[in-house]
Amino acid sequence: MCLVCIAFASWVLRSADPMAADTWKAALLANVSAISAIQYLRRYVVKRREAGDLNDSTADET
């Protein structure tokens, strides 16, 4: 799902006409999609870390 949001945001920005008056809408849509993808990834990492699936390399160095 995350990659779909990023791909969609990339497509929107590539296909938008930079001289059109609606360019801000395309940029807003792309930014919202990217932020949603980042939030999803952060939640996924936190859930995996809480479950003990990810090793925190900085904690092992002490």
N, C-alpha and C. Protein backbone atom coordinates (compact mmCIF):
# COMPACT_ATOMS: atom_id res chain seq x y z
N MET A 1 0.83 -1.19 0.00
CA MET A 1 0.00 0.00 0.00
C MET A 1 0.87 1.25 0.00
N CYS A 2 1.91 1.18 0.77
CA CYS A 2 2.82 2.32 0.88
C CYS A 2 3.47 2.64 -0.46
N LEU A 3 3.91 1.61 -1.16
CA LEU A 3 4.54 1.84 -2.46
C LEU A 3 3.54 2.36 -3.49
N VAL A 4 2.30 1.98 -3.36
CA VAL A 4 1.26 2.48 -4.26
C VAL A 4 1.09 3.98 -4.06
N CYS A 5 1.07 4.43 -2.80
CA CYS A 5 0.94 5.87 -2.52
C CYS A 5 2.11 6.65 -3.09
N ILE A 6 3.32 6.13 -2.93
CA ILE A 6 4.50 6.82 -3.45
C ILE A 6 4.49 6.83 -4.97
N ALA A 7 4.11 5.72 -5.58
CA ALA A 7 4.04 5.67 -7.05
C ALA A 7 2.98 6.62 -7.57
N PHE A 8 1.85 6.68 -6.89
CA PHE A 8 0.78 7.59 -7.31
C PHE A 8 1.23 9.04 -7.20
N ALA A 9 1.89 9.39 -6.12
CA ALA A 9 2.38 10.75 -5.93
C ALA A 9 3.38 11.11 -7.03
N SER A 10 4.24 10.19 -7.36
CA SER A 10 5.23 10.43 -8.41
C SER A 10 4.54 10.63 -9.76
N TRP A 11 3.55 9.81 -10.05
CA TRP A 11 2.82 9.93 -11.31
C TRP A 11 2.08 11.26 -11.40
N VAL A 12 1.46 11.67 -10.30
CA VAL A 12 0.71 12.93 -10.30
C VAL A 12 1.64 14.10 -10.61
N LEU A 13 2.80 14.10 -10.00
CA LEU A 13 3.73 15.21 -10.23
C LEU A 13 4.31 15.21 -11.64
N ARG A 14 4.54 14.03 -12.18
CA ARG A 14 5.07 13.96 -13.54
C ARG A 14 4.04 14.36 -14.58
N SER A 15 2.79 14.00 -14.34
CA SER A 15 1.76 14.25 -15.34
C SER A 15 1.12 15.63 -15.21
N ALA A 16 1.42 16.35 -14.16
CA ALA A 16 0.82 17.67 -13.97
C ALA A 16 1.51 18.70 -14.87
N ASP A 17 0.73 19.61 -15.41
CA ASP A 17 1.27 20.69 -16.23
C ASP A 17 1.76 21.79 -15.30
N PRO A 18 3.06 22.07 -15.30
CA PRO A 18 3.59 23.07 -14.37
C PRO A 18 3.10 24.49 -14.62
N MET A 19 2.55 24.75 -15.79
CA MET A 19 2.07 26.09 -16.11
C MET A 19 0.58 26.25 -15.82
N ALA A 20 -0.09 25.17 -15.44
CA ALA A 20 -1.53 25.24 -15.19
C ALA A 20 -1.79 25.86 -13.81
N ALA A 21 -2.99 26.38 -13.67
CA ALA A 21 -3.37 27.02 -12.41
C ALA A 21 -3.65 25.98 -11.32
N ASP A 22 -3.87 24.74 -11.71
CA ASP A 22 -4.20 23.69 -10.74
C ASP A 22 -2.98 22.91 -10.27
N THR A 23 -1.80 23.40 -10.52
CA THR A 23 -0.58 22.68 -10.14
C THR A 23 -0.51 22.47 -8.63
N TRP A 24 -0.99 23.43 -7.87
CA TRP A 24 -0.93 23.31 -6.41
C TRP A 24 -1.75 22.12 -5.93
N LYS A 25 -2.82 21.79 -6.65
CA LYS A 25 -3.65 20.64 -6.26
C LYS A 25 -2.87 19.34 -6.44
N ALA A 26 -2.15 19.24 -7.54
CA ALA A 26 -1.35 18.04 -7.79
C ALA A 26 -0.24 17.91 -6.75
N ALA A 27 0.40 19.02 -6.43
CA ALA A 27 1.47 18.98 -5.43
C ALA A 27 0.91 18.62 -4.06
N LEU A 28 -0.24 19.16 -3.71
CA LEU A 28 -0.87 18.83 -2.43
C LEU A 28 -1.22 17.35 -2.35
N LEU A 29 -1.79 16.82 -3.42
CA LEU A 29 -2.15 15.41 -3.45
C LEU A 29 -0.91 14.53 -3.32
N ALA A 30 0.16 14.90 -4.01
CA ALA A 30 1.39 14.12 -3.93
C ALA A 30 1.98 14.16 -2.52
N ASN A 31 1.95 15.33 -1.90
CA ASN A 31 2.49 15.45 -0.54
C ASN A 31 1.67 14.66 0.46
N VAL A 32 0.36 14.71 0.34
CA VAL A 32 -0.50 13.95 1.26
C VAL A 32 -0.25 12.45 1.09
N SER A 33 -0.10 12.00 -0.14
CA SER A 33 0.18 10.58 -0.38
C SER A 33 1.52 10.18 0.21
N ALA A 34 2.53 11.01 0.03
CA ALA A 34 3.85 10.70 0.57
C ALA A 34 3.83 10.69 2.10
N ILE A 35 3.15 11.65 2.71
CA ILE A 35 3.07 11.69 4.17
C ILE A 35 2.33 10.47 4.70
N SER A 36 1.28 10.06 4.02
CA SER A 36 0.54 8.87 4.44
C SER A 36 1.42 7.63 4.38
N ALA A 37 2.21 7.54 3.34
CA ALA A 37 3.11 6.39 3.20
C ALA A 37 4.16 6.39 4.30
N ILE A 38 4.71 7.55 4.63
CA ILE A 38 5.71 7.64 5.69
C ILE A 38 5.10 7.26 7.04
N GLN A 39 3.90 7.74 7.31
CA GLN A 39 3.24 7.41 8.57
C GLN A 39 2.97 5.91 8.66
N TYR A 40 2.56 5.32 7.56
CA TYR A 40 2.31 3.88 7.54
C TYR A 40 3.60 3.12 7.85
N LEU A 41 4.70 3.50 7.22
CA LEU A 41 5.97 2.82 7.46
C LEU A 41 6.43 2.97 8.90
N ARG A 42 6.26 4.15 9.46
CA ARG A 42 6.66 4.36 10.86
C ARG A 42 5.85 3.48 11.80
N ARG A 43 4.52 3.40 11.57
CA ARG A 43 3.69 2.55 12.41
C ARG A 43 4.08 1.09 12.27
N TYR A 44 4.41 0.68 11.05
CA TYR A 44 4.81 -0.69 10.78
C TYR A 44 6.10 -1.03 11.53
N VAL A 45 7.06 -0.13 11.50
CA VAL A 45 8.33 -0.37 12.18
C VAL A 45 8.13 -0.44 13.69
N VAL A 46 7.30 0.44 14.24
CA VAL A 46 7.04 0.43 15.68
C VAL A 46 6.37 -0.88 16.08
N LYS A 47 5.40 -1.33 15.31
CA LYS A 47 4.73 -2.59 15.64
C LYS A 47 5.70 -3.76 15.58
N ARG A 48 6.56 -3.77 14.58
CA ARG A 48 7.54 -4.86 14.47
C ARG A 48 8.53 -4.81 15.61
N ARG A 49 8.94 -3.60 15.99
CA ARG A 49 9.90 -3.47 17.08
C ARG A 49 9.28 -3.92 18.40
N GLU A 50 8.02 -3.57 18.63
CA GLU A 50 7.34 -3.99 19.85
C GLU A 50 7.17 -5.50 19.90
N ALA A 51 6.98 -6.10 18.74
CA ALA A 51 6.82 -7.54 18.69
C ALA A 51 8.17 -8.26 18.81
N GLY A 52 9.26 -7.51 18.73
CA GLY A 52 10.59 -8.11 18.86
C GLY A 52 11.14 -8.65 17.57
N ASP A 53 10.54 -8.28 16.44
CA ASP A 53 11.00 -8.79 15.15
C ASP A 53 12.20 -8.03 14.61
N LEU A 54 12.37 -6.78 15.01
CA LEU A 54 13.49 -5.99 14.52
C LEU A 54 14.55 -5.88 15.61
N ASN A 55 15.79 -6.01 15.21
CA ASN A 55 16.89 -5.84 16.15
C ASN A 55 17.37 -4.41 16.07
N ASP A 56 17.48 -3.76 17.21
CA ASP A 56 17.98 -2.39 17.26
C ASP A 56 19.49 -2.46 17.42
N SER A 57 20.24 -2.16 16.38
CA SER A 57 21.69 -2.31 16.40
C SER A 57 22.35 -1.33 17.36
N THR A 58 21.74 -0.16 17.59
CA THR A 58 22.34 0.81 18.50
C THR A 58 22.24 0.35 19.95
N ALA A 59 21.22 -0.40 20.30
CA ALA A 59 21.06 -0.89 21.67
C ALA A 59 22.06 -2.01 21.97
N ASP A 60 22.49 -2.74 20.95
CA ASP A 60 23.41 -3.86 21.15
C ASP A 60 24.85 -3.40 21.34
N GLU A 61 25.16 -2.17 20.95
CA GLU A 61 26.54 -1.69 21.02
C GLU A 61 26.96 -1.28 22.41
N THR A 62 26.06 -1.06 23.33
CA THR A 62 26.42 -0.58 24.67
C THR A 62 26.91 -1.65 25.58
